[in-house]
Amino acid sequence: MTVPRKKLIEVALPLEAINKACAREKSIRHGHPSTLHLWWARRPLAAARAVIFAQMVDDPSAYVDVLRADSKLHRKAEIALKARLKLWEEARALAERAKGTNLSVPEPGPAPTLDDMLADQERQRLFRIIEDLVLWENTTNETVLQAARDEIWQSWRRACAENADHPRAKELFDRKKLPAFHDPFAGGGALPLEAQRLGLESYASDLNPVAVLINKAMIEIPPKFAGKPPVNPESRKKKDLIAREWKGAQGLAEDVRYYGQWMREEAEKRIGHLYPKVEVTSEMVKMRPDLKQYAGKKLTVIAWLWVRTVKSPNPAFAHVDVPLASTFVLTTRADK
């Protein structure tokens, strides 16, 4: 029979740390999946990582008996219980004094127990794992990620042991294989990506082909080349590079950099003439004094406006292509 057990997400989460990490993530560009392709309603990676971890890990109230057997944890919980009971008694006395007056003082609830203290201590330990896990700097930190994976495995093995008599135990509760993660509407891919990072087998789908492409690039292709050396000719010439250990998608990243540069150079050869550099003239300097230091130099255009064109309806300029744009003003901010 399947034993219901509370997961950490059902009891508590270190929301302050998660919110802080999510807010900071908005300003990160280098190495972030958001730079792969624009996607609306993209979920923060920090939140996705924390939520999946908290969904997979048991709340400590589910295994207090194991915690109780640890003498070190037991002593620590006894000390914490004395302090907590003192606070509880003060709160109860205050509530008693408030009775019969106009003051509204809530009841403190049931008295805390040793099991409560043991579970709370363990919960704080899991919170510290989440607090480390949500930091952007730890996105590829194997020590932090492995600590989270170990907790997930412990919870899963407890579930398998307690459901060993389930009629479909071999199929549903295989202690050597974590349950797979499925996201039928994966969108920007934050959830399946983070599930994969935490050691789960991820499956993602979407109706939008752009979302499908994003997810293929993030969770399908990199694992196929994990731990493999690059194949580009430059890297293959250097024997020290081929002989070295290539962790994760490092080899694939090396190839992406090489062939990305090759494609850029090819594009420059074929269509570079359509995107000429702009020479800063004296007339431009008069209108934009900040360009004075660049006078006479040719500068690379960082953005081009794309608009449709039509032939001018004016017979005198019938040969002229007129851009269909309502404005050519990029910004009205004074500091831009």
Protein backbone atom coordinates (compact mmCIF):
# COMPACT_ATOMS: atom_id res chain seq x y z
CA MET A 1 0.00 0.00 0.00
CA THR A 2 1.29 3.45 -0.93
CA VAL A 3 2.20 5.43 2.20
CA PRO A 4 1.29 9.14 2.01
CA ARG A 5 4.13 11.33 3.23
CA LYS A 6 4.46 15.09 3.33
CA LYS A 7 7.04 16.71 1.11
CA LEU A 8 9.09 19.72 2.19
CA ILE A 9 7.17 22.02 -0.16
CA GLU A 10 3.94 21.22 1.72
CA VAL A 11 5.35 22.48 5.03
CA ALA A 12 7.83 25.32 4.51
CA LEU A 13 10.35 26.91 2.15
CA PRO A 14 13.13 29.53 2.61
CA LEU A 15 11.17 32.01 0.50
CA GLU A 16 13.38 35.01 1.26
CA ALA A 17 16.47 33.32 -0.18
CA ILE A 18 14.53 32.04 -3.21
CA ASN A 19 12.98 35.46 -3.94
CA LYS A 20 16.36 37.18 -3.63
CA ALA A 21 17.99 34.71 -6.04
CA CYS A 22 15.12 35.09 -8.55
CA ALA A 23 15.33 38.90 -8.45
CA ARG A 24 19.09 38.79 -9.03
CA GLU A 25 18.70 36.33 -11.90
CA LYS A 26 16.82 38.94 -13.95
CA SER A 27 20.03 40.93 -14.42
CA ILE A 28 22.18 37.92 -15.42
CA ARG A 29 22.86 37.46 -19.12
CA HIS A 30 26.11 35.55 -19.61
CA GLY A 31 25.42 31.82 -19.58
CA HIS A 32 21.70 32.20 -18.88
CA PRO A 33 19.22 30.22 -21.05
CA SER A 34 17.28 33.44 -21.67
CA THR A 35 20.05 34.48 -24.08
CA LEU A 36 19.47 31.34 -26.15
CA HIS A 37 16.12 32.60 -27.42
CA LEU A 38 13.47 35.04 -26.23
CA TRP A 39 10.51 33.38 -24.50
CA TRP A 40 7.64 35.06 -22.67
CA ALA A 41 6.68 33.97 -19.13
CA ARG A 42 10.11 32.42 -18.62
CA ARG A 43 10.32 30.89 -15.14
CA PRO A 44 13.32 31.79 -12.94
CA LEU A 45 15.82 28.94 -12.78
CA ALA A 46 16.36 29.48 -9.04
CA ALA A 47 12.65 29.04 -8.28
CA ALA A 48 12.39 26.00 -10.56
CA ARG A 49 15.39 24.37 -8.89
CA ALA A 50 14.09 25.06 -5.36
CA VAL A 51 10.53 23.91 -6.10
CA ILE A 52 11.59 20.63 -7.74
CA PHE A 53 13.98 19.86 -4.88
CA ALA A 54 11.29 20.62 -2.27
CA GLN A 55 8.78 18.46 -4.16
CA MET A 56 11.14 15.48 -4.23
CA VAL A 57 12.46 15.68 -0.66
CA ASP A 58 10.46 14.44 2.35
CA ASP A 59 9.57 16.85 5.12
CA PRO A 60 11.50 15.77 8.25
CA SER A 61 8.21 15.04 10.05
CA ALA A 62 8.07 11.90 7.85
CA TYR A 63 11.23 10.38 9.35
CA VAL A 64 11.50 11.73 12.91
CA ASP A 65 12.15 8.19 14.18
CA VAL A 66 15.45 8.17 12.25
CA LEU A 67 16.41 11.58 13.66
CA ARG A 68 15.49 10.48 17.18
CA ALA A 69 18.03 7.66 16.98
CA ASP A 70 20.91 10.12 16.43
CA SER A 71 22.27 10.97 19.91
CA LYS A 72 23.92 14.19 18.76
CA LEU A 73 20.73 15.50 17.16
CA HIS A 74 18.77 14.32 20.20
CA ARG A 75 20.88 16.38 22.64
CA LYS A 76 20.70 19.45 20.43
CA ALA A 77 16.91 19.10 20.17
CA GLU A 78 16.55 18.81 23.96
CA ILE A 79 18.38 22.12 24.44
CA ALA A 80 16.22 23.79 21.78
CA LEU A 81 13.07 22.35 23.35
CA LYS A 82 13.79 23.96 26.74
CA ALA A 83 14.09 27.39 25.12
CA ARG A 84 11.00 26.84 22.96
CA LEU A 85 8.90 25.65 25.93
CA LYS A 86 9.82 28.77 27.86
CA LEU A 87 8.59 30.97 25.00
CA TRP A 88 5.45 28.84 24.64
CA GLU A 89 4.62 29.17 28.36
CA GLU A 90 5.07 32.95 28.17
CA ALA A 91 2.74 33.11 25.14
CA ARG A 92 0.15 30.93 26.89
CA ALA A 93 0.28 33.09 30.04
CA LEU A 94 -0.21 36.22 27.92
CA ALA A 95 -3.21 34.64 26.19
CA GLU A 96 -4.71 33.71 29.57
CA ARG A 97 -4.29 37.26 30.90
CA ALA A 98 -5.92 38.66 27.76
CA LYS A 99 -9.10 36.68 28.35
CA GLY A 100 -11.93 38.87 29.59
CA THR A 101 -10.26 42.01 28.19
CA ASN A 102 -10.55 43.85 24.89
CA LEU A 103 -7.14 42.57 23.81
CA SER A 104 -7.00 39.99 21.04
CA VAL A 105 -4.14 37.59 21.72
CA PRO A 106 -4.01 34.32 19.75
CA GLU A 107 -3.60 31.00 21.53
CA PRO A 108 -0.05 29.62 21.20
CA GLY A 109 -1.30 26.20 20.08
CA PRO A 110 -0.15 22.85 21.42
CA ALA A 111 3.07 22.64 23.43
CA PRO A 112 6.18 21.94 21.34
CA THR A 113 7.62 18.43 21.58
CA LEU A 114 11.03 16.86 21.13
CA ASP A 115 9.89 15.49 17.77
CA ASP A 116 8.96 19.03 16.69
CA MET A 117 12.47 20.23 17.55
CA LEU A 118 14.12 17.34 15.73
CA ALA A 119 12.04 17.97 12.60
CA ASP A 120 12.68 21.72 12.78
CA GLN A 121 16.45 21.22 13.04
CA GLU A 122 16.45 18.90 10.05
CA ARG A 123 14.22 21.31 8.15
CA GLN A 124 16.74 24.10 8.73
CA ARG A 125 19.48 21.85 7.32
CA LEU A 126 17.40 21.27 4.18
CA PHE A 127 16.78 25.02 3.96
CA ARG A 128 20.55 25.62 3.93
CA ILE A 129 20.86 23.22 1.00
CA ILE A 130 18.16 25.18 -0.87
CA GLU A 131 19.82 28.51 0.00
CA ASP A 132 23.05 27.26 -1.59
CA LEU A 133 21.19 25.62 -4.46
CA VAL A 134 19.40 28.78 -5.65
CA LEU A 135 22.57 30.90 -5.97
CA TRP A 136 23.54 31.58 -9.58
CA GLU A 137 27.21 30.92 -8.78
CA ASN A 138 26.27 27.37 -7.75
CA THR A 139 24.41 26.53 -10.97
CA THR A 140 27.35 24.36 -12.04
CA ASN A 141 28.80 23.68 -8.59
CA GLU A 142 28.93 19.87 -8.47
CA THR A 143 29.42 19.78 -4.69
CA VAL A 144 26.21 21.74 -4.06
CA LEU A 145 24.25 19.90 -6.75
CA GLN A 146 25.40 16.49 -5.50
CA ALA A 147 24.31 17.34 -1.95
CA ALA A 148 20.82 18.10 -3.31
CA ARG A 149 20.79 14.91 -5.42
CA ASP A 150 21.78 12.83 -2.39
CA GLU A 151 18.81 14.18 -0.41
CA ILE A 152 16.45 13.37 -3.29
CA TRP A 153 17.81 9.82 -3.46
CA GLN A 154 17.41 9.34 0.31
CA SER A 155 13.76 10.39 0.17
CA TRP A 156 13.12 8.18 -2.84
CA ARG A 157 14.68 5.11 -1.20
CA ARG A 158 12.58 5.67 1.92
CA ALA A 159 9.47 5.74 -0.28
CA CYS A 160 10.56 2.55 -2.07
CA ALA A 161 11.22 0.73 1.22
CA GLU A 162 7.86 1.70 2.69
CA ASN A 163 6.00 0.68 -0.47
CA ALA A 164 7.81 -2.60 -1.09
CA ASP A 165 4.53 -4.52 -0.77
CA HIS A 166 2.78 -2.45 -3.44
CA PRO A 167 1.44 -4.74 -6.23
CA ARG A 168 3.38 -2.69 -8.82
CA ALA A 169 6.42 -2.02 -6.64
CA LYS A 170 8.95 -3.19 -9.28
CA GLU A 171 7.50 -0.79 -11.82
CA LEU A 172 6.65 2.21 -9.63
CA PHE A 173 9.15 1.98 -6.78
CA ASP A 174 12.50 1.02 -8.28
CA ARG A 175 15.06 2.13 -5.67
CA LYS A 176 17.80 2.26 -8.35
CA LYS A 177 15.95 4.69 -10.61
CA LEU A 178 14.39 8.05 -9.75
CA PRO A 179 10.94 8.82 -11.17
CA ALA A 180 11.06 10.73 -14.46
CA PHE A 181 10.08 14.39 -14.76
CA HIS A 182 7.45 15.24 -17.40
CA ASP A 183 6.50 18.76 -18.53
CA PRO A 184 3.89 18.67 -21.34
CA PHE A 185 4.00 22.45 -21.84
CA ALA A 186 7.66 23.17 -21.22
CA GLY A 187 7.83 26.66 -22.75
CA GLY A 188 11.20 28.23 -21.93
CA GLY A 189 12.41 24.95 -20.44
CA ALA A 190 13.30 26.10 -16.91
CA LEU A 191 11.56 23.20 -15.16
CA PRO A 192 12.87 20.27 -17.27
CA LEU A 193 16.36 21.82 -17.29
CA GLU A 194 16.49 22.09 -13.51
CA ALA A 195 14.96 18.63 -13.06
CA GLN A 196 17.76 17.25 -15.23
CA ARG A 197 20.33 19.19 -13.22
CA LEU A 198 19.00 17.55 -10.04
CA GLY A 199 19.44 14.08 -11.51
CA LEU A 200 15.97 13.35 -12.86
CA GLU A 201 15.29 12.03 -16.35
CA SER A 202 13.50 14.93 -18.07
CA TYR A 203 10.84 14.80 -20.77
CA ALA A 204 9.56 18.04 -22.28
CA SER A 205 7.07 18.87 -25.02
CA ASP A 206 5.18 21.89 -26.33
CA LEU A 207 2.85 22.87 -29.15
CA ASN A 208 5.03 25.84 -30.08
CA PRO A 209 7.98 24.83 -32.33
CA VAL A 210 10.13 27.60 -30.85
CA ALA A 211 9.67 26.11 -27.37
CA VAL A 212 10.50 22.67 -28.76
CA LEU A 213 13.73 24.02 -30.28
CA ILE A 214 14.69 25.74 -27.00
CA ASN A 215 14.16 22.54 -25.03
CA LYS A 216 16.06 20.43 -27.57
CA ALA A 217 19.00 22.81 -27.27
CA MET A 218 18.91 22.77 -23.47
CA ILE A 219 17.93 19.27 -22.33
CA GLU A 220 18.17 16.90 -25.31
CA ILE A 221 21.33 17.73 -27.24
CA PRO A 222 23.86 18.55 -24.42
CA PRO A 223 23.45 15.17 -22.61
CA LYS A 224 24.19 13.31 -25.87
CA PHE A 225 27.66 14.87 -25.95
CA ALA A 226 28.32 14.93 -22.20
CA GLY A 227 31.91 14.07 -21.35
CA LYS A 228 32.99 13.94 -25.00
CA PRO A 229 35.87 15.94 -26.56
CA PRO A 230 35.26 18.57 -29.26
CA VAL A 231 35.34 17.51 -32.93
CA ASN A 232 36.31 20.79 -34.60
CA PRO A 233 39.60 20.67 -36.57
CA GLU A 234 41.40 23.28 -34.44
CA SER A 235 40.83 21.38 -31.20
CA ARG A 236 41.69 18.04 -32.81
CA LYS A 237 45.10 19.41 -33.86
CA LYS A 238 45.95 20.08 -30.21
CA LYS A 239 46.58 16.69 -28.62
CA ASP A 240 46.66 18.16 -25.10
CA LEU A 241 43.05 19.32 -25.56
CA ILE A 242 41.84 15.93 -26.85
CA ALA A 243 43.65 14.05 -24.06
CA ARG A 244 42.24 16.22 -21.25
CA GLU A 245 39.07 15.36 -19.35
CA TRP A 246 35.98 17.04 -20.78
CA LYS A 247 33.30 17.39 -18.12
CA GLY A 248 29.63 17.83 -18.91
CA ALA A 249 29.04 19.77 -22.12
CA GLN A 250 32.49 21.44 -22.23
CA GLY A 251 33.43 19.66 -25.46
CA LEU A 252 30.14 20.65 -27.08
CA ALA A 253 30.63 24.25 -25.92
CA GLU A 254 34.07 24.31 -27.55
CA ASP A 255 32.51 23.20 -30.85
CA VAL A 256 29.68 25.73 -30.58
CA ARG A 257 32.25 28.51 -30.10
CA TYR A 258 34.35 27.33 -33.05
CA TYR A 259 31.52 26.79 -35.52
CA GLY A 260 29.68 29.87 -34.27
CA GLN A 261 32.72 31.98 -35.16
CA TRP A 262 32.96 30.19 -38.52
CA MET A 263 29.30 30.99 -39.29
CA ARG A 264 29.84 34.62 -38.29
CA GLU A 265 32.78 34.94 -40.65
CA GLU A 266 30.84 33.23 -43.46
CA ALA A 267 27.90 35.57 -42.92
CA GLU A 268 30.27 38.54 -43.03
CA LYS A 269 31.63 37.34 -46.39
CA ARG A 270 28.23 36.76 -47.95
CA ILE A 271 26.03 39.57 -46.63
CA GLY A 272 28.44 41.89 -44.82
CA HIS A 273 28.11 44.47 -47.61
CA LEU A 274 24.44 44.89 -46.68
CA TYR A 275 25.42 46.10 -43.22
CA PRO A 276 28.09 48.76 -43.83
CA LYS A 277 29.92 50.63 -41.09
CA VAL A 278 28.96 54.28 -40.56
CA GLU A 279 31.52 57.09 -40.86
CA VAL A 280 31.10 59.82 -38.23
CA THR A 281 30.96 63.12 -40.16
CA SER A 282 31.33 66.69 -38.91
CA GLU A 283 27.58 67.20 -39.44
CA MET A 284 26.87 64.26 -37.14
CA VAL A 285 29.22 65.69 -34.51
CA LYS A 286 27.32 68.99 -34.57
CA MET A 287 24.08 67.18 -33.75
CA ARG A 288 25.78 64.76 -31.33
CA PRO A 289 28.73 66.40 -29.49
CA ASP A 290 29.39 63.11 -27.68
CA LEU A 291 30.59 61.70 -31.03
CA LYS A 292 33.43 64.23 -31.31
CA GLN A 293 36.12 61.70 -30.30
CA TYR A 294 34.93 59.43 -33.14
CA ALA A 295 34.95 62.07 -35.90
CA GLY A 296 36.27 60.62 -39.17
CA LYS A 297 36.16 57.05 -37.86
CA LYS A 298 33.96 54.22 -39.13
CA LEU A 299 31.82 52.64 -36.42
CA THR A 300 29.98 49.33 -36.36
CA VAL A 301 26.20 49.64 -36.22
CA ILE A 302 24.88 47.73 -33.20
CA ALA A 303 21.25 47.52 -34.36
CA TRP A 304 19.33 47.86 -37.60
CA LEU A 305 15.65 48.73 -37.91
CA TRP A 306 13.80 46.26 -40.15
CA VAL A 307 10.85 47.74 -42.05
CA ARG A 308 8.97 47.00 -45.24
CA THR A 309 9.33 49.42 -48.15
CA VAL A 310 7.10 50.54 -51.02
CA LYS A 311 7.73 52.70 -54.06
CA SER A 312 6.93 56.35 -53.42
CA PRO A 313 3.37 57.30 -54.49
CA ASN A 314 4.78 60.69 -55.55
CA PRO A 315 5.31 60.50 -59.38
CA ALA A 316 8.40 62.68 -59.05
CA PHE A 317 10.01 60.09 -56.75
CA ALA A 318 8.44 56.90 -58.13
CA HIS A 319 11.87 55.24 -58.20
CA VAL A 320 12.47 55.83 -54.46
CA ASP A 321 11.83 53.07 -51.89
CA VAL A 322 9.95 54.52 -48.90
CA PRO A 323 10.30 52.72 -45.53
CA LEU A 324 6.97 52.04 -43.82
CA ALA A 325 7.92 53.24 -40.33
CA SER A 326 5.91 55.52 -38.07
CA THR A 327 9.05 56.78 -36.32
CA PHE A 328 12.82 56.38 -36.38
CA VAL A 329 13.22 57.56 -32.78
CA LEU A 330 14.78 54.76 -30.71
CA THR A 331 14.23 56.40 -27.33
CA THR A 332 13.01 59.69 -25.89
CA ARG A 333 14.99 59.39 -22.66
CA ALA A 334 17.27 62.36 -22.07
CA ASP A 335 20.21 60.23 -20.94
CA LYS A 336 20.18 58.06 -24.07
